[in-house]
Amino acid sequence: MTSKERAYLKSLAAKVPSLYQVGKDGVSENVVKTINDALAARELIKGHVLENSMLGVREVAEELAQKTGSQVVICIGSKFVLYRRSEKNLCEM
């Protein structure tokens, strides 16, 4: 992903609400399935790592990206943004 593509995705993510949370259970199979389904439907998602999580934001984002075949766009504070291009090409670059 180029820096221009990343900047464009960051600007799109600013308008997206953080709908997905990772808590003390960490990156469970249920979380992976939910994130995978969301990426298929939306391409760009924002998640939030709760304070009671044993993992850091970067660790959660990297693990989810690996398990879902997506890319980490950004991690700021306790939030992360993931992107995976779908067959529908909802987010045209």
Protein backbone atom coordinates (compact mmCIF):
# COMPACT_ATOMS: atom_id res chain seq x y z
CA MET A 1 0.00 0.00 0.00
CA THR A 2 1.43 3.35 -0.99
CA SER A 3 1.50 6.38 1.29
CA LYS A 4 -1.13 8.11 -0.86
CA GLU A 5 -3.45 5.11 -0.62
CA ARG A 6 -2.90 4.96 3.15
CA ALA A 7 -3.64 8.69 3.50
CA TYR A 8 -6.83 8.30 1.45
CA LEU A 9 -7.98 5.36 3.58
CA LYS A 10 -7.19 7.29 6.79
CA SER A 11 -9.39 10.16 5.56
CA LEU A 12 -12.23 7.73 4.84
CA ALA A 13 -11.80 6.05 8.23
CA ALA A 14 -12.23 9.36 10.05
CA LYS A 15 -15.93 9.24 9.14
CA VAL A 16 -16.41 5.56 10.05
CA PRO A 17 -17.65 4.75 13.57
CA SER A 18 -15.73 2.26 15.70
CA LEU A 19 -18.13 -0.70 15.68
CA TYR A 20 -15.88 -3.59 16.68
CA GLN A 21 -14.31 -4.19 20.09
CA VAL A 22 -11.62 -6.53 21.32
CA GLY A 23 -11.65 -7.15 25.07
CA LYS A 24 -10.09 -9.44 27.63
CA ASP A 25 -10.66 -12.54 25.49
CA GLY A 26 -8.31 -11.11 22.87
CA VAL A 27 -8.52 -12.18 19.23
CA SER A 28 -10.90 -15.13 19.48
CA GLU A 29 -12.33 -17.08 16.55
CA ASN A 30 -15.62 -15.23 17.00
CA VAL A 31 -13.88 -11.85 16.70
CA VAL A 32 -11.98 -13.02 13.60
CA LYS A 33 -15.20 -14.23 11.96
CA THR A 34 -17.00 -10.98 12.78
CA ILE A 35 -14.14 -8.84 11.43
CA ASN A 36 -13.83 -11.04 8.34
CA ASP A 37 -17.55 -10.67 7.58
CA ALA A 38 -17.37 -6.92 8.16
CA LEU A 39 -14.40 -6.55 5.81
CA ALA A 40 -16.25 -8.48 3.12
CA ALA A 41 -19.22 -6.13 3.45
CA ARG A 42 -17.46 -2.79 4.01
CA GLU A 43 -13.76 -3.11 3.04
CA LEU A 44 -12.75 -0.51 5.65
CA ILE A 45 -13.48 -1.01 9.35
CA LYS A 46 -12.49 0.66 12.58
CA GLY A 47 -12.07 -1.25 15.82
CA HIS A 48 -11.39 -0.47 19.44
CA VAL A 49 -9.26 -2.36 21.96
CA LEU A 50 -10.70 -2.19 25.46
CA GLU A 51 -8.55 -1.37 28.50
CA ASN A 52 -9.04 -4.85 29.97
CA SER A 53 -7.40 -6.49 26.95
CA MET A 54 -4.07 -8.22 27.59
CA LEU A 55 -2.87 -7.22 24.10
CA GLY A 56 -1.88 -3.83 22.75
CA VAL A 57 -3.61 -2.12 19.85
CA ARG A 58 -0.80 -2.83 17.38
CA GLU A 59 -0.70 -6.52 18.39
CA VAL A 60 -4.46 -6.90 17.95
CA ALA A 61 -4.46 -5.11 14.59
CA GLU A 62 -1.53 -7.14 13.24
CA GLU A 63 -3.05 -10.45 14.37
CA LEU A 64 -6.45 -9.59 12.89
CA ALA A 65 -4.82 -8.46 9.65
CA GLN A 66 -2.91 -11.71 9.39
CA LYS A 67 -5.95 -13.89 10.13
CA THR A 68 -8.31 -11.99 7.80
CA GLY A 69 -5.94 -11.23 4.93
CA SER A 70 -6.32 -7.49 5.43
CA GLN A 71 -3.90 -4.60 5.94
CA VAL A 72 -3.47 -2.34 8.95
CA VAL A 73 -4.08 1.25 7.84
CA ILE A 74 -3.40 2.96 11.18
CA CYS A 75 -3.33 2.45 14.93
CA ILE A 76 -4.01 5.50 17.08
CA GLY A 77 -4.62 5.37 20.81
CA SER A 78 -6.86 2.38 21.40
CA LYS A 79 -8.33 2.35 17.87
CA PHE A 80 -7.21 0.59 14.72
CA VAL A 81 -8.32 0.61 11.09
CA LEU A 82 -8.19 -2.40 8.77
CA TYR A 83 -8.67 -2.53 4.99
CA ARG A 84 -9.23 -5.42 2.62
CA ARG A 85 -10.33 -4.93 -0.95
CA SER A 86 -13.41 -6.99 -1.70
CA GLU A 87 -14.70 -8.39 -4.96
CA LYS A 88 -17.35 -5.66 -4.99
CA ASN A 89 -14.70 -2.88 -4.87
CA LEU A 90 -16.75 -0.65 -2.58
CA CYS A 91 -13.88 1.75 -1.83
CA GLU A 92 -12.50 2.70 -5.21
CA MET A 93 -8.95 4.03 -5.08
